[in-house]
Amino acid sequence: MIIRLSRTTTAEVQRRMLEIREEGGVVALGRVLTLVIHTQIGAEEEAIRAANQASREHPMRVIVVSRNPDHVNANEEPRLDAELRVGADAGASEVVLLQCYGELGSHLLGIVQGLLLPDAPVVAWWPSFMPETPSASQLGQISQRRITDSGKQADPRAAILALAGCYQPGDTDLAWTRLTNWRAHLAALLDQPPFEPVHGGLVSGDLSNPSVHLMAAWLQLRLQVPIDKVEAGDTPTGSSGLHAVELHRTSGESSLTRVRDSVGVLRQPGQPEHHVALSTRGLEDQLAEELRKLAPDDMYRQVLLSTRGGDR
């Protein structure tokens, strides 16, 4: 069910939500968190689809706040249009879409605050653009978890350095989330013979993709050895931007290489090759993973800060 409200107010949206709940269409008691998505008008649906899928694992209220770019706001009449989506149109969640025009786009905190679930964690997500300092933004200030995506920025490498410069506990980045399968396979590789120390390594991939730099930083931090990065060229790198990771040992190279979008090959000295699942994960899987861990990710903190030359 979708209810559309044009030229409305937040008070009217709250009233209609209460009516829906009293009629039995929505049960708020089973919601475990509020996910607040900040995006642009016309770009909401991909994020809503991902949130609806993730809600099957994490029942939640989804509040989508969208607005036009700032240079357009000055020429627009202030108004609020809204959609309330429940039932089959909202997965296991309830979706409130708020489209802010004109000056309203500068007052996001006041718009969403009355719609947050009481006594439930708040997660803020910027699917495309990101604020200069997520924790200091209007939505970031009320959130326990703040999800950005440096890979969607015009200059992803600069975005990583910016995030490192303003990191606060609770910040995370989908460029890091995309490395989960790679990190799991590499950890398993090091648990197998030959049990020799690693004295160096190489990460190859798309150097414009921030995940490649985060992978190199993670390996260097955990192994305490130099890790080089090289451009991989035209390879099936998938959304993580990675093509291969090589670890140098006395007996030879241990490596994990993506050979197709969903398949990787593990190689160890003196052992047969192993094909492993290395699928390109959809946005809904990435979001669901981040919603599982509302506590600060200390490993991400260490890796992120090491990208600018040191921890703190």
Protein backbone atom coordinates (compact mmCIF):
# COMPACT_ATOMS: atom_id res chain seq x y z
CA MET A 1 0.00 0.00 0.00
CA ILE A 2 1.28 3.46 -0.92
CA ILE A 3 -0.25 6.66 0.45
CA ARG A 4 0.84 9.90 -1.22
CA LEU A 5 0.68 13.27 0.51
CA SER A 6 1.37 16.45 -1.48
CA ARG A 7 2.31 19.78 0.09
CA THR A 8 2.10 18.21 3.51
CA THR A 9 3.73 18.69 6.91
CA THR A 10 5.61 16.39 9.25
CA ALA A 11 2.69 16.61 11.68
CA GLU A 12 0.35 15.29 8.98
CA VAL A 13 2.80 12.50 8.12
CA GLN A 14 2.94 11.50 11.81
CA ARG A 15 -0.85 11.55 12.03
CA ARG A 16 -1.26 9.31 8.99
CA MET A 17 1.37 6.90 10.30
CA LEU A 18 -0.57 6.64 13.56
CA GLU A 19 -3.80 5.98 11.66
CA ILE A 20 -2.16 3.21 9.64
CA ARG A 21 -0.80 1.62 12.81
CA GLU A 22 -4.17 1.76 14.57
CA GLU A 23 -5.83 0.16 11.56
CA GLY A 24 -3.40 -2.75 11.84
CA GLY A 25 -1.46 -2.12 8.66
CA VAL A 26 1.85 -1.54 10.44
CA VAL A 27 3.19 -2.89 13.72
CA ALA A 28 6.02 -0.70 15.00
CA LEU A 29 6.85 -2.88 18.00
CA GLY A 30 8.79 -5.39 15.89
CA ARG A 31 11.10 -2.77 14.37
CA VAL A 32 14.66 -2.99 15.65
CA LEU A 33 16.04 0.29 14.26
CA THR A 34 15.36 3.37 12.16
CA LEU A 35 17.30 3.69 8.91
CA VAL A 36 17.47 7.27 7.64
CA ILE A 37 18.54 7.52 3.99
CA HIS A 38 19.66 10.88 2.61
CA THR A 39 19.67 11.12 -1.17
CA GLN A 40 18.50 13.30 -4.05
CA ILE A 41 15.03 13.61 -5.53
CA GLY A 42 14.63 11.06 -8.31
CA ALA A 43 17.39 8.79 -6.98
CA GLU A 44 15.50 7.18 -4.10
CA GLU A 45 14.29 3.87 -5.53
CA GLU A 46 17.58 1.94 -5.64
CA ALA A 47 18.21 2.71 -1.97
CA ILE A 48 14.61 1.84 -1.04
CA ARG A 49 14.85 -1.51 -2.83
CA ALA A 50 18.08 -2.33 -0.98
CA ALA A 51 16.54 -1.30 2.35
CA ASN A 52 13.42 -3.38 1.71
CA GLN A 53 15.55 -6.45 1.04
CA ALA A 54 17.76 -5.81 4.07
CA SER A 55 14.64 -5.37 6.23
CA ARG A 56 13.87 -9.08 5.89
CA GLU A 57 16.84 -9.63 8.19
CA HIS A 58 16.47 -6.34 10.11
CA PRO A 59 12.82 -5.22 10.45
CA MET A 60 13.00 -1.43 10.61
CA ARG A 61 11.43 1.89 9.81
CA VAL A 62 12.99 3.43 6.72
CA ILE A 63 12.89 7.21 6.41
CA VAL A 64 14.10 8.47 3.05
CA VAL A 65 14.85 12.18 2.94
CA SER A 66 15.56 13.50 -0.54
CA ARG A 67 16.17 16.96 -1.90
CA ASN A 68 17.49 18.67 -4.98
CA PRO A 69 21.09 19.92 -5.09
CA ASP A 70 21.67 23.06 -3.02
CA HIS A 71 21.96 25.37 -6.02
CA VAL A 72 18.44 24.39 -7.06
CA ASN A 73 16.90 24.80 -3.60
CA ALA A 74 17.26 28.59 -3.65
CA ASN A 75 14.90 28.84 -6.64
CA GLU A 76 12.24 26.44 -5.36
CA GLU A 77 9.10 27.06 -3.37
CA PRO A 78 9.46 25.39 0.04
CA ARG A 79 7.24 22.34 0.24
CA LEU A 80 7.17 18.77 1.51
CA ASP A 81 5.77 15.85 -0.48
CA ALA A 82 5.56 12.45 1.18
CA GLU A 83 4.82 8.80 0.50
CA LEU A 84 3.99 6.19 3.12
CA ARG A 85 4.66 2.62 2.00
CA VAL A 86 3.61 -0.43 4.00
CA GLY A 87 2.90 -4.09 3.34
CA ALA A 88 4.16 -5.56 0.09
CA ASP A 89 5.54 -2.18 -1.00
CA ALA A 90 7.88 -2.02 2.00
CA GLY A 91 9.28 -5.53 2.53
CA ALA A 92 9.50 -6.19 6.27
CA SER A 93 9.81 -2.49 6.98
CA GLU A 94 7.68 0.62 6.74
CA VAL A 95 8.95 3.30 4.39
CA VAL A 96 8.43 7.03 4.75
CA LEU A 97 9.63 8.97 1.70
CA LEU A 98 10.02 12.70 2.30
CA GLN A 99 10.84 14.90 -0.69
CA CYS A 100 12.00 18.33 0.45
CA TYR A 101 11.91 21.33 -1.85
CA GLY A 102 13.35 24.78 -1.39
CA GLU A 103 14.47 25.92 2.05
CA LEU A 104 13.04 22.79 3.68
CA GLY A 105 16.06 20.86 2.40
CA SER A 106 18.22 22.71 4.93
CA HIS A 107 16.24 21.51 7.96
CA LEU A 108 16.54 17.73 7.75
CA LEU A 109 16.85 17.13 11.49
CA GLY A 110 13.55 18.84 12.27
CA ILE A 111 11.83 16.97 9.45
CA VAL A 112 12.82 13.45 10.52
CA GLN A 113 13.08 13.74 14.30
CA GLY A 114 9.39 13.20 15.04
CA LEU A 115 9.32 10.07 12.85
CA LEU A 116 12.15 8.16 14.56
CA LEU A 117 11.19 5.01 16.43
CA PRO A 118 11.44 5.61 20.20
CA ASP A 119 14.25 3.81 22.06
CA ALA A 120 15.65 2.27 18.88
CA PRO A 121 19.06 2.81 17.25
CA VAL A 122 19.28 5.21 14.33
CA VAL A 123 21.44 4.47 11.29
CA ALA A 124 22.13 7.17 8.68
CA TRP A 125 23.04 6.17 5.12
CA TRP A 126 24.21 8.36 2.24
CA PRO A 127 23.97 6.04 -0.84
CA SER A 128 25.56 8.46 -3.33
CA PHE A 129 26.94 11.76 -2.02
CA MET A 130 28.32 12.16 1.49
CA PRO A 131 28.68 15.09 3.90
CA GLU A 132 32.10 16.58 4.60
CA THR A 133 31.92 15.29 8.18
CA PRO A 134 29.27 12.56 8.54
CA SER A 135 29.18 12.65 12.35
CA ALA A 136 28.68 16.44 12.39
CA SER A 137 25.91 16.50 9.77
CA GLN A 138 22.31 16.96 10.86
CA LEU A 139 21.45 13.28 10.38
CA GLY A 140 24.83 12.06 11.61
CA GLN A 141 24.37 13.76 14.96
CA ILE A 142 21.36 11.58 15.82
CA SER A 143 22.81 8.31 14.47
CA GLN A 144 24.71 5.53 16.18
CA ARG A 145 25.94 4.27 12.81
CA ARG A 146 26.78 6.33 9.71
CA ILE A 147 27.19 4.59 6.34
CA THR A 148 28.90 6.29 3.42
CA ASP A 149 30.18 5.04 0.06
CA SER A 150 33.50 6.57 -0.97
CA GLY A 151 33.35 4.58 -4.21
CA LYS A 152 30.42 6.72 -5.40
CA GLN A 153 32.27 10.02 -5.00
CA ALA A 154 33.82 12.03 -7.83
CA ASP A 155 37.29 11.48 -6.31
CA PRO A 156 37.14 8.24 -4.29
CA ARG A 157 40.74 8.43 -3.09
CA ALA A 158 40.19 11.94 -1.74
CA ALA A 159 36.96 10.72 -0.12
CA ILE A 160 38.89 8.09 1.86
CA LEU A 161 41.37 10.65 3.10
CA ALA A 162 38.51 12.98 4.04
CA LEU A 163 36.79 10.20 6.00
CA ALA A 164 40.08 9.41 7.75
CA GLY A 165 40.46 13.05 8.73
CA CYS A 166 37.04 13.27 10.40
CA TYR A 167 36.50 9.69 11.63
CA GLN A 168 34.27 9.19 14.66
CA PRO A 169 33.18 5.86 16.21
CA GLY A 170 30.17 4.58 14.27
CA ASP A 171 31.42 5.72 10.85
CA THR A 172 31.70 3.07 8.15
CA ASP A 173 32.03 2.86 4.37
CA LEU A 174 30.60 0.39 1.86
CA ALA A 175 33.99 0.39 0.10
CA TRP A 176 35.20 -1.48 3.21
CA THR A 177 32.13 -3.73 3.35
CA ARG A 178 32.82 -4.97 -0.19
CA LEU A 179 36.09 -6.48 1.05
CA THR A 180 34.48 -8.92 3.50
CA ASN A 181 34.65 -12.00 1.24
CA TRP A 182 38.19 -11.18 0.13
CA ARG A 183 39.35 -10.75 3.73
CA ALA A 184 37.73 -14.04 4.80
CA HIS A 185 39.43 -16.01 2.01
CA LEU A 186 42.82 -14.42 2.66
CA ALA A 187 42.57 -15.16 6.39
CA ALA A 188 41.74 -18.80 5.57
CA LEU A 189 44.68 -18.93 3.14
CA LEU A 190 47.11 -17.89 5.89
CA ASP A 191 45.72 -20.61 8.17
CA GLN A 192 46.89 -23.28 5.72
CA PRO A 193 50.41 -24.61 5.02
CA PRO A 194 53.05 -23.51 4.31
CA PHE A 195 53.17 -21.82 7.69
CA GLU A 196 55.76 -19.26 6.68
CA PRO A 197 55.90 -15.56 7.43
CA VAL A 198 54.86 -13.15 4.71
CA HIS A 199 57.64 -10.72 3.78
CA GLY A 200 55.76 -8.60 1.25
CA GLY A 201 52.70 -8.40 -0.94
CA LEU A 202 51.00 -6.93 -3.97
CA VAL A 203 47.42 -5.79 -4.53
CA SER A 204 46.29 -5.33 -8.12
CA GLY A 205 43.05 -3.82 -9.30
CA ASP A 206 41.36 -0.61 -10.32
CA LEU A 207 43.39 2.05 -8.48
CA SER A 208 40.52 4.51 -8.78
CA ASN A 209 38.45 2.20 -6.55
CA PRO A 210 38.87 2.92 -2.81
CA SER A 211 38.47 -0.75 -1.88
CA VAL A 212 41.86 -1.49 -3.46
CA HIS A 213 43.55 1.04 -1.17
CA LEU A 214 41.67 -0.21 1.89
CA MET A 215 42.72 -3.79 1.11
CA ALA A 216 46.38 -2.79 0.83
CA ALA A 217 46.14 -0.83 4.07
CA TRP A 218 44.50 -3.79 5.86
CA LEU A 219 47.18 -6.24 4.73
CA GLN A 220 50.00 -3.89 5.66
CA LEU A 221 48.45 -3.22 9.06
CA ARG A 222 47.82 -6.90 9.89
CA LEU A 223 51.00 -8.39 8.40
CA GLN A 224 53.37 -5.50 9.17
CA VAL A 225 55.05 -5.86 5.76
CA PRO A 226 55.20 -3.55 2.72
CA ILE A 227 52.27 -3.96 0.32
CA ASP A 228 52.51 -2.55 -3.20
CA LYS A 229 49.56 -1.56 -5.41
CA VAL A 230 49.42 -1.82 -9.20
CA GLU A 231 46.79 -1.11 -11.84
CA ALA A 232 45.35 -4.39 -13.12
CA GLY A 233 44.03 -3.14 -16.45
CA ASP A 234 40.98 -4.72 -18.11
CA THR A 235 40.11 -7.55 -15.72
CA PRO A 236 36.89 -8.97 -14.17
CA THR A 237 37.34 -6.99 -10.98
CA GLY A 238 33.72 -6.71 -9.89
CA SER A 239 32.35 -4.01 -7.61
CA SER A 240 35.26 -4.25 -5.15
CA GLY A 241 37.70 -3.14 -7.85
CA LEU A 242 40.11 -5.91 -6.86
CA HIS A 243 41.73 -8.31 -9.28
CA ALA A 244 44.34 -10.16 -7.20
CA VAL A 245 46.25 -10.23 -3.94
CA GLU A 246 49.71 -11.83 -3.83
CA LEU A 247 51.59 -12.61 -0.64
CA HIS A 248 55.33 -13.22 -0.91
CA ARG A 249 56.80 -16.12 1.09
CA THR A 250 60.11 -17.95 1.02
CA SER A 251 58.63 -21.01 -0.73
CA GLY A 252 56.75 -18.95 -3.33
CA GLU A 253 53.64 -16.85 -3.90
CA SER A 254 50.32 -17.36 -2.18
CA SER A 255 47.53 -15.56 -4.00
CA LEU A 256 43.83 -14.98 -4.46
CA THR A 257 42.77 -13.95 -7.96
CA ARG A 258 39.32 -13.13 -9.31
CA VAL A 259 38.91 -15.01 -12.60
CA ARG A 260 35.22 -14.28 -13.15
CA ASP A 261 32.64 -12.01 -11.54
CA SER A 262 31.72 -14.68 -8.98
CA VAL A 263 34.78 -16.97 -8.91
CA GLY A 264 38.23 -16.65 -7.42
CA VAL A 265 41.27 -18.95 -7.44
CA LEU A 266 43.41 -19.60 -4.37
CA ARG A 267 46.99 -20.66 -5.03
CA GLN A 268 49.50 -21.95 -2.48
CA PRO A 269 53.02 -23.35 -3.02
CA GLY A 270 52.94 -27.13 -3.33
CA GLN A 271 49.13 -27.34 -3.33
CA PRO A 272 46.51 -27.65 -6.07
CA GLU A 273 44.50 -24.57 -7.03
CA HIS A 274 41.17 -24.04 -5.28
CA HIS A 275 38.21 -22.28 -6.82
CA VAL A 276 36.24 -20.25 -4.27
CA ALA A 277 33.06 -18.18 -4.35
CA LEU A 278 33.98 -14.53 -4.78
CA SER A 279 30.71 -13.06 -5.93
CA THR A 280 30.01 -9.40 -6.50
CA ARG A 281 27.65 -8.59 -3.65
CA GLY A 282 24.52 -6.58 -4.25
CA LEU A 283 23.77 -3.34 -2.45
CA GLU A 284 21.17 -5.05 -0.25
CA ASP A 285 23.77 -7.56 1.01
CA GLN A 286 26.25 -4.80 1.77
CA LEU A 287 23.62 -2.83 3.68
CA ALA A 288 22.39 -5.88 5.60
CA GLU A 289 25.95 -6.62 6.74
CA GLU A 290 26.42 -3.11 8.07
CA LEU A 291 23.12 -3.25 9.94
CA ARG A 292 24.27 -6.40 11.78
CA LYS A 293 27.01 -4.52 13.63
CA LEU A 294 25.79 -1.32 15.19
CA ALA A 295 28.84 -1.11 17.46
CA PRO A 296 31.90 0.78 16.17
CA ASP A 297 34.11 -1.20 13.76
CA ASP A 298 37.56 -0.80 15.26
CA MET A 299 39.32 -2.65 12.45
CA TYR A 300 37.83 -0.25 9.92
CA ARG A 301 39.01 2.63 12.10
CA GLN A 302 42.57 1.33 12.17
CA VAL A 303 42.66 0.62 8.45
CA LEU A 304 41.08 3.96 7.52
CA LEU A 305 43.45 5.98 9.65
CA SER A 306 46.46 4.06 8.34
CA THR A 307 45.62 5.23 4.81
CA ARG A 308 46.78 8.72 5.73
CA GLY A 309 50.08 7.52 7.12
CA GLY A 310 49.35 6.62 10.70
CA ASP A 311 46.89 5.67 13.43
CA ARG A 312 45.79 7.71 16.39
